[in-house]
Amino acid sequence: MADVDTSKYNINLDVKYAHQELIDIPEIVDACKEKWWNQTLTQVNDSVVRIGIIEGEFHWHKHDNDDEFFYVVEGQLFIDIEGDRTIELGPKQGVTITKGMMHRPRAPKRVVMLMVETANIVPTGD
């Protein structure tokens, strides 16, 4: 995405946990002090599971070849999508955003979410 400052996002694409290794979500959340932090937790076949701990707005973007699943653990996430529509997710709610669809996640207050997407996705968009 041209002319988008992604320096405010801390996006970690390395796989943090191996198979059969315990992933303690509350411990990860408690340790995070950043406004926009994302970490790949584990790989499942050709996909990855990521945790996002966010507050604020991401930029408008799309993924030409990849669907993206969002699941809210804590907080309230808004995902603006093209066509002037907003999807509102609370705890224990999820949505899949179709590949090629312009979207913008935003969180007025801190949100903890899990994302499932292909291992090759570029989180900031194509």
C-alpha atoms as a PDB file:
ATOM      1  CA  MET A   1       0.000   0.000   0.000  1.00  0.00           C
ATOM      2  CA  ALA A   2       1.637   3.187  -1.135  1.00  0.00           C
ATOM      3  CA  ASP A   3       2.087   6.131   1.230  1.00  0.00           C
ATOM      4  CA  VAL A   4       0.925   4.242   4.341  1.00  0.00           C
ATOM      5  CA  ASP A   5       3.011   4.709   7.492  1.00  0.00           C
ATOM      6  CA  THR A   6       3.126   1.268   9.086  1.00  0.00           C
ATOM      7  CA  SER A   7       5.720   2.249  11.717  1.00  0.00           C
ATOM      8  CA  LYS A   8       3.029   2.552  14.427  1.00  0.00           C
ATOM      9  CA  TYR A   9       2.241  -1.158  14.103  1.00  0.00           C
ATOM     10  CA  ASN A  10       4.399  -3.815  15.758  1.00  0.00           C
ATOM     11  CA  ILE A  11       3.710  -6.849  13.566  1.00  0.00           C
ATOM     12  CA  ASN A  12       5.748  -9.977  14.290  1.00  0.00           C
ATOM     13  CA  LEU A  13       5.528 -12.652  11.610  1.00  0.00           C
ATOM     14  CA  ASP A  14       7.806 -15.215  13.274  1.00  0.00           C
ATOM     15  CA  VAL A  15       6.029 -18.307  14.603  1.00  0.00           C
ATOM     16  CA  LYS A  16       6.357 -18.004  18.388  1.00  0.00           C
ATOM     17  CA  TYR A  17       5.108 -21.441  19.497  1.00  0.00           C
ATOM     18  CA  ALA A  18       5.841 -24.904  18.143  1.00  0.00           C
ATOM     19  CA  HIS A  19       3.256 -27.654  17.961  1.00  0.00           C
ATOM     20  CA  GLN A  20       2.507 -29.218  21.370  1.00  0.00           C
ATOM     21  CA  GLU A  21       3.777 -26.042  23.099  1.00  0.00           C
ATOM     22  CA  LEU A  22       1.299 -24.360  25.472  1.00  0.00           C
ATOM     23  CA  ILE A  23       0.077 -20.928  24.364  1.00  0.00           C
ATOM     24  CA  ASP A  24      -1.045 -18.891  27.392  1.00  0.00           C
ATOM     25  CA  ILE A  25      -3.184 -16.056  25.986  1.00  0.00           C
ATOM     26  CA  PRO A  26      -3.747 -14.224  29.321  1.00  0.00           C
ATOM     27  CA  GLU A  27       0.013 -14.201  29.954  1.00  0.00           C
ATOM     28  CA  ILE A  28       0.654 -12.770  26.476  1.00  0.00           C
ATOM     29  CA  VAL A  29      -2.036 -10.110  26.951  1.00  0.00           C
ATOM     30  CA  ASP A  30      -0.728  -9.072  30.382  1.00  0.00           C
ATOM     31  CA  ALA A  31       2.791  -8.640  29.000  1.00  0.00           C
ATOM     32  CA  CYS A  32       1.709  -6.381  26.106  1.00  0.00           C
ATOM     33  CA  LYS A  33       1.966  -2.631  26.748  1.00  0.00           C
ATOM     34  CA  GLU A  34       1.800  -1.449  23.112  1.00  0.00           C
ATOM     35  CA  LYS A  35      -1.128   0.183  21.296  1.00  0.00           C
ATOM     36  CA  TRP A  36      -0.888  -1.984  18.161  1.00  0.00           C
ATOM     37  CA  TRP A  37       0.845  -5.334  18.559  1.00  0.00           C
ATOM     38  CA  ASN A  38       0.448  -8.492  16.508  1.00  0.00           C
ATOM     39  CA  GLN A  39       2.271 -11.814  16.928  1.00  0.00           C
ATOM     40  CA  THR A  40       2.051 -15.035  14.944  1.00  0.00           C
ATOM     41  CA  LEU A  41       1.365 -17.705  17.529  1.00  0.00           C
ATOM     42  CA  THR A  42       1.453 -20.949  15.589  1.00  0.00           C
ATOM     43  CA  GLN A  43       1.200 -22.460  12.132  1.00  0.00           C
ATOM     44  CA  VAL A  44      -1.600 -24.878  11.247  1.00  0.00           C
ATOM     45  CA  ASN A  45      -0.927 -26.468   7.878  1.00  0.00           C
ATOM     46  CA  ASP A  46      -0.805 -23.558   5.374  1.00  0.00           C
ATOM     47  CA  SER A  47      -2.377 -21.065   7.781  1.00  0.00           C
ATOM     48  CA  VAL A  48      -1.262 -19.186  10.876  1.00  0.00           C
ATOM     49  CA  VAL A  49      -3.021 -18.088  14.035  1.00  0.00           C
ATOM     50  CA  ARG A  50      -2.098 -14.580  15.176  1.00  0.00           C
ATOM     51  CA  ILE A  51      -2.952 -12.588  18.257  1.00  0.00           C
ATOM     52  CA  GLY A  52      -3.636  -8.884  17.927  1.00  0.00           C
ATOM     53  CA  ILE A  53      -3.738  -6.529  20.879  1.00  0.00           C
ATOM     54  CA  ILE A  54      -4.843  -3.227  19.452  1.00  0.00           C
ATOM     55  CA  GLU A  55      -6.162   0.220  20.227  1.00  0.00           C
ATOM     56  CA  GLY A  56      -6.766   2.754  17.482  1.00  0.00           C
ATOM     57  CA  GLU A  57      -7.282   2.484  13.737  1.00  0.00           C
ATOM     58  CA  PHE A  58      -5.497   0.425  11.119  1.00  0.00           C
ATOM     59  CA  HIS A  59      -5.339   1.807   7.586  1.00  0.00           C
ATOM     60  CA  TRP A  60      -7.676   0.799   4.749  1.00  0.00           C
ATOM     61  CA  HIS A  61      -6.230  -2.210   2.934  1.00  0.00           C
ATOM     62  CA  LYS A  62      -7.080  -5.476   1.189  1.00  0.00           C
ATOM     63  CA  HIS A  63      -5.577  -8.892   0.604  1.00  0.00           C
ATOM     64  CA  ASP A  64      -5.895  -9.836  -3.057  1.00  0.00           C
ATOM     65  CA  ASN A  65      -5.451 -13.594  -2.559  1.00  0.00           C
ATOM     66  CA  ASP A  66      -6.304 -14.251   1.078  1.00  0.00           C
ATOM     67  CA  ASP A  67      -9.439 -14.394   3.220  1.00  0.00           C
ATOM     68  CA  GLU A  68      -8.928 -13.221   6.816  1.00  0.00           C
ATOM     69  CA  PHE A  69     -10.760 -14.410   9.952  1.00  0.00           C
ATOM     70  CA  PHE A  70     -11.071 -12.196  13.055  1.00  0.00           C
ATOM     71  CA  TYR A  71     -12.208 -13.508  16.460  1.00  0.00           C
ATOM     72  CA  VAL A  72     -12.578 -11.141  19.431  1.00  0.00           C
ATOM     73  CA  VAL A  73     -11.408 -12.422  22.805  1.00  0.00           C
ATOM     74  CA  GLU A  74     -11.804  -9.147  24.748  1.00  0.00           C
ATOM     75  CA  GLY A  75     -13.195  -5.742  23.850  1.00  0.00           C
ATOM     76  CA  GLN A  76     -15.137  -4.421  20.896  1.00  0.00           C
ATOM     77  CA  LEU A  77     -13.725  -4.460  17.358  1.00  0.00           C
ATOM     78  CA  PHE A  78     -15.141  -2.524  14.436  1.00  0.00           C
ATOM     79  CA  ILE A  79     -14.240  -3.566  10.899  1.00  0.00           C
ATOM     80  CA  ASP A  80     -15.184  -1.009   8.296  1.00  0.00           C
ATOM     81  CA  ILE A  81     -15.633  -2.561   4.867  1.00  0.00           C
ATOM     82  CA  GLU A  82     -16.076  -1.077   1.430  1.00  0.00           C
ATOM     83  CA  GLY A  83     -19.569   0.138   0.677  1.00  0.00           C
ATOM     84  CA  ASP A  84     -19.906   2.145   3.899  1.00  0.00           C
ATOM     85  CA  ARG A  85     -20.613  -0.885   6.096  1.00  0.00           C
ATOM     86  CA  THR A  86     -19.227  -1.586   9.567  1.00  0.00           C
ATOM     87  CA  ILE A  87     -19.158  -4.985  11.232  1.00  0.00           C
ATOM     88  CA  GLU A  88     -19.155  -4.766  15.042  1.00  0.00           C
ATOM     89  CA  LEU A  89     -17.676  -7.683  16.985  1.00  0.00           C
ATOM     90  CA  GLY A  90     -17.832  -8.247  20.727  1.00  0.00           C
ATOM     91  CA  PRO A  91     -16.210 -10.987  22.810  1.00  0.00           C
ATOM     92  CA  LYS A  92     -16.657 -14.498  21.414  1.00  0.00           C
ATOM     93  CA  GLN A  93     -17.719 -13.185  17.997  1.00  0.00           C
ATOM     94  CA  GLY A  94     -15.903 -13.581  14.701  1.00  0.00           C
ATOM     95  CA  VAL A  95     -16.127 -12.753  11.022  1.00  0.00           C
ATOM     96  CA  THR A  96     -14.335 -13.695   7.819  1.00  0.00           C
ATOM     97  CA  ILE A  97     -13.374 -10.885   5.456  1.00  0.00           C
ATOM     98  CA  THR A  98     -13.340 -12.043   1.840  1.00  0.00           C
ATOM     99  CA  LYS A  99     -10.152 -11.695  -0.184  1.00  0.00           C
ATOM    100  CA  GLY A 100     -10.013  -8.544  -2.276  1.00  0.00           C
ATOM    101  CA  MET A 101     -12.371  -6.587   0.019  1.00  0.00           C
ATOM    102  CA  MET A 102     -11.125  -3.224   1.274  1.00  0.00           C
ATOM    103  CA  HIS A 103     -11.377  -3.119   5.062  1.00  0.00           C
ATOM    104  CA  ARG A 104     -10.121  -1.265   8.133  1.00  0.00           C
ATOM    105  CA  PRO A 105     -10.089  -2.740  11.649  1.00  0.00           C
ATOM    106  CA  ARG A 106     -10.416  -0.220  14.474  1.00  0.00           C
ATOM    107  CA  ALA A 107     -10.719  -0.328  18.223  1.00  0.00           C
ATOM    108  CA  PRO A 108     -11.654   2.807  20.193  1.00  0.00           C
ATOM    109  CA  LYS A 109     -10.570   0.893  23.338  1.00  0.00           C
ATOM    110  CA  ARG A 110      -8.122  -1.984  23.766  1.00  0.00           C
ATOM    111  CA  VAL A 111      -9.112  -5.193  21.971  1.00  0.00           C
ATOM    112  CA  VAL A 112      -7.635  -8.677  22.102  1.00  0.00           C
ATOM    113  CA  MET A 113      -8.345 -10.727  18.996  1.00  0.00           C
ATOM    114  CA  LEU A 114      -7.199 -13.840  17.207  1.00  0.00           C
ATOM    115  CA  MET A 115      -6.761 -13.929  13.450  1.00  0.00           C
ATOM    116  CA  VAL A 116      -6.507 -16.925  11.142  1.00  0.00           C
ATOM    117  CA  GLU A 117      -5.007 -16.360   7.727  1.00  0.00           C
ATOM    118  CA  THR A 118      -2.599 -17.920   5.268  1.00  0.00           C
ATOM    119  CA  ALA A 119       1.040 -17.991   6.295  1.00  0.00           C
ATOM    120  CA  ASN A 120       1.958 -15.857   3.253  1.00  0.00           C
ATOM    121  CA  ILE A 121      -0.466 -12.983   3.884  1.00  0.00           C
ATOM    122  CA  VAL A 122       0.985  -9.486   4.141  1.00  0.00           C
ATOM    123  CA  PRO A 123      -0.838  -8.101   7.215  1.00  0.00           C
ATOM    124  CA  THR A 124      -0.581  -4.471   6.048  1.00  0.00           C
ATOM    125  CA  GLY A 125      -2.257  -5.338   2.724  1.00  0.00           C
ATOM    126  CA  ASP A 126      -1.360  -5.918  -0.920  1.00  0.00           C
END
